Every structure is written in structure tokens, then in C-alpha cells.
C-alpha atoms as a PDB file:
ATOM      1  CA  MET A   1     -47.744   3.920 -12.301  1.00  0.00           C
ATOM      2  CA  ASN A   2     -47.599   2.586 -15.840  1.00  0.00           C
ATOM      3  CA  GLY A   3     -44.422   2.057 -17.887  1.00  0.00           C
ATOM      4  CA  SER A   4     -44.563   5.303 -19.894  1.00  0.00           C
ATOM      5  CA  ALA A   5     -45.073   7.430 -16.761  1.00  0.00           C
ATOM      6  CA  ALA A   6     -42.057   5.769 -15.118  1.00  0.00           C
ATOM      7  CA  GLN A   7     -39.959   6.412 -18.233  1.00  0.00           C
ATOM      8  CA  GLN A   8     -41.003  10.083 -18.267  1.00  0.00           C
ATOM      9  CA  GLU A   9     -40.077  10.437 -14.588  1.00  0.00           C
ATOM     10  CA  VAL A  10     -36.616   8.928 -15.236  1.00  0.00           C
ATOM     11  CA  ALA A  11     -36.167  11.180 -18.276  1.00  0.00           C
ATOM     12  CA  THR A  12     -36.964  14.302 -16.249  1.00  0.00           C
ATOM     13  CA  ASP A  13     -34.578  13.166 -13.468  1.00  0.00           C
ATOM     14  CA  GLU A  14     -31.739  12.912 -15.998  1.00  0.00           C
ATOM     15  CA  LYS A  15     -32.306  16.508 -17.157  1.00  0.00           C
ATOM     16  CA  LYS A  16     -31.967  18.073 -13.701  1.00  0.00           C
ATOM     17  CA  LEU A  17     -29.479  20.909 -13.413  1.00  0.00           C
ATOM     18  CA  PRO A  18     -26.821  20.890 -10.708  1.00  0.00           C
ATOM     19  CA  SER A  19     -27.796  22.673  -7.514  1.00  0.00           C
ATOM     20  CA  LYS A  20     -24.623  24.791  -7.674  1.00  0.00           C
ATOM     21  CA  PRO A  21     -23.280  25.874 -11.080  1.00  0.00           C
ATOM     22  CA  LEU A  22     -19.602  25.351 -11.921  1.00  0.00           C
ATOM     23  CA  SER A  23     -17.222  28.254 -11.475  1.00  0.00           C
ATOM     24  CA  GLU A  24     -15.546  29.891 -14.487  1.00  0.00           C
ATOM     25  CA  GLY A  25     -12.277  28.120 -13.692  1.00  0.00           C
ATOM     26  CA  ASN A  26     -13.979  24.728 -13.561  1.00  0.00           C
ATOM     27  CA  MET A  27     -15.850  25.459 -16.800  1.00  0.00           C
ATOM     28  CA  ALA A  28     -12.506  26.285 -18.482  1.00  0.00           C
ATOM     29  CA  ILE A  29     -11.044  22.977 -17.320  1.00  0.00           C
ATOM     30  CA  ILE A  30     -14.060  20.992 -18.518  1.00  0.00           C
ATOM     31  CA  SER A  31     -14.103  22.726 -21.896  1.00  0.00           C
ATOM     32  CA  LYS A  32     -10.499  21.573 -22.546  1.00  0.00           C
ATOM     33  CA  ALA A  33     -10.816  18.063 -21.086  1.00  0.00           C
ATOM     34  CA  SER A  34     -11.381  15.106 -23.357  1.00  0.00           C
ATOM     35  CA  PRO A  35     -13.522  12.137 -22.302  1.00  0.00           C
ATOM     36  CA  VAL A  36     -11.720   9.228 -20.671  1.00  0.00           C
ATOM     37  CA  ASN A  37     -12.781   5.596 -20.988  1.00  0.00           C
ATOM     38  CA  ILE A  38     -13.112   4.176 -17.478  1.00  0.00           C
ATOM     39  CA  LYS A  39     -14.282   0.733 -18.581  1.00  0.00           C
ATOM     40  CA  TYR A  40     -12.718  -2.129 -16.587  1.00  0.00           C
ATOM     41  CA  VAL A  41     -10.068  -4.059 -18.495  1.00  0.00           C
ATOM     42  CA  ASP A  42      -8.711  -7.302 -17.074  1.00  0.00           C
ATOM     43  CA  ALA A  43      -4.963  -7.076 -17.641  1.00  0.00           C
ATOM     44  CA  SER A  44      -3.999  -9.945 -15.343  1.00  0.00           C
ATOM     45  CA  GLY A  45      -3.584 -12.564 -18.053  1.00  0.00           C
ATOM     46  CA  GLY A  46      -5.781 -14.959 -16.108  1.00  0.00           C
ATOM     47  CA  HIS A  47      -3.784 -14.360 -12.914  1.00  0.00           C
ATOM     48  CA  ALA A  48      -1.212 -16.977 -13.996  1.00  0.00           C
ATOM     49  CA  GLU A  49       1.742 -14.889 -12.833  1.00  0.00           C
ATOM     50  CA  HIS A  50      -0.038 -12.362 -10.667  1.00  0.00           C
ATOM     51  CA  PRO A  51       2.271 -10.720  -8.080  1.00  0.00           C
ATOM     52  CA  HIS A  52      -0.435 -10.734  -5.400  1.00  0.00           C
ATOM     53  CA  LYS A  53      -1.665 -14.261  -5.943  1.00  0.00           C
ATOM     54  CA  GLY A  54       0.100 -15.511  -2.848  1.00  0.00           C
ATOM     55  CA  GLY A  55       3.015 -17.703  -1.978  1.00  0.00           C
ATOM     56  CA  THR A  56       3.754 -21.204  -3.144  1.00  0.00           C
ATOM     57  CA  ASP A  57       4.509 -24.167  -0.944  1.00  0.00           C
ATOM     58  CA  GLU A  58       7.498 -26.465  -1.341  1.00  0.00           C
ATOM     59  CA  ASN A  59       5.751 -28.249  -4.235  1.00  0.00           C
ATOM     60  CA  GLY A  60       5.036 -25.038  -6.154  1.00  0.00           C
ATOM     61  CA  ASN A  61       1.301 -25.036  -5.389  1.00  0.00           C
ATOM     62  CA  PHE A  62      -0.395 -21.750  -4.570  1.00  0.00           C
ATOM     63  CA  GLY A  63      -2.162 -21.346  -1.262  1.00  0.00           C
ATOM     64  CA  TYR A  64       0.814 -21.032   1.091  1.00  0.00           C
ATOM     65  CA  VAL A  65       0.080 -18.614   3.929  1.00  0.00           C
ATOM     66  CA  HIS A  66       3.145 -17.053   5.554  1.00  0.00           C
ATOM     67  CA  ASP A  67       3.244 -17.063   9.361  1.00  0.00           C
ATOM     68  CA  GLU A  68       5.401 -14.094  10.332  1.00  0.00           C
ATOM     69  CA  LYS A  69       5.408 -15.172  13.996  1.00  0.00           C
ATOM     70  CA  PHE A  70       6.600 -18.744  13.400  1.00  0.00           C
ATOM     71  CA  LEU A  71      10.188 -18.055  14.524  1.00  0.00           C
ATOM     72  CA  ILE A  72       8.969 -16.226  17.626  1.00  0.00           C
ATOM     73  CA  LYS A  73       6.672 -19.123  18.547  1.00  0.00           C
ATOM     74  CA  ASN A  74       9.249 -21.822  17.648  1.00  0.00           C
ATOM     75  CA  PRO A  75      12.741 -20.333  18.021  1.00  0.00           C
ATOM     76  CA  PRO A  76      15.601 -22.435  16.670  1.00  0.00           C
ATOM     77  CA  THR A  77      18.133 -23.715  19.145  1.00  0.00           C
ATOM     78  CA  PHE A  78      21.454 -21.907  19.329  1.00  0.00           C
ATOM     79  CA  GLU A  79      24.527 -23.278  20.949  1.00  0.00           C
ATOM     80  CA  ILE A  80      28.255 -22.792  20.717  1.00  0.00           C
ATOM     81  CA  ARG A  81      29.811 -26.237  20.723  1.00  0.00           C
ATOM     82  CA  ASP A  82      33.464 -25.296  21.127  1.00  0.00           C
ATOM     83  CA  GLU A  83      35.981 -22.476  20.813  1.00  0.00           C
ATOM     84  CA  ASP A  84      36.231 -22.975  17.030  1.00  0.00           C
ATOM     85  CA  ASP A  85      32.530 -22.052  16.708  1.00  0.00           C
ATOM     86  CA  ARG A  86      33.066 -19.016  18.931  1.00  0.00           C
ATOM     87  CA  SER A  87      36.060 -17.836  16.879  1.00  0.00           C
ATOM     88  CA  VAL A  88      33.991 -17.982  13.670  1.00  0.00           C
ATOM     89  CA  LEU A  89      31.355 -15.693  15.222  1.00  0.00           C
ATOM     90  CA  CYS A  90      33.747 -12.935  16.279  1.00  0.00           C
END
């Protein structure tokens, strides 16, 4: 297949009609609709302050990964030393 035959085949594919025509209601909607630009626009500002960039470690560097099971795996100790501690709790 030469280049011009391939171009003609693509051109005829683009002119195909839909297999099922639109209903009158859909045609009314399309006749009133204006085109919308769906081009991608990067609005992140270079991801400098992106809310989903991740956590920071104690030095402010990104890359911190939160371990939600850390306290379950390593529970802190809990003890009541004297009655003064107990009175503060209640």
C-alpha cells in the first residue's frame, strides 16, 4: 500500500457516519452546546506546594512515608506512678 492509498483510507474512515443516529433530544442539546477546550494545563506551579506531594521528615525534606500501624506495633508504655497521677486522670 503506497502513501496516497493509506491517506485515502484514513480520510474515508474519518467520514464514517455513526451506526445509530442521535435522538431529537440529543440533537437539541448538541446544537446549543459550545465547544470546550480539554487541553491539559499544568496548574501545579511545579509541585512546590502540592497538597499530595507527601509528608516531610523532621528536617523538612519530602519523602516521609507515614506508617499508620507504628503505634500498634510499638505501643508506648503507660504507667500510673502514684495517686497524684491517678487523680489527674479522673
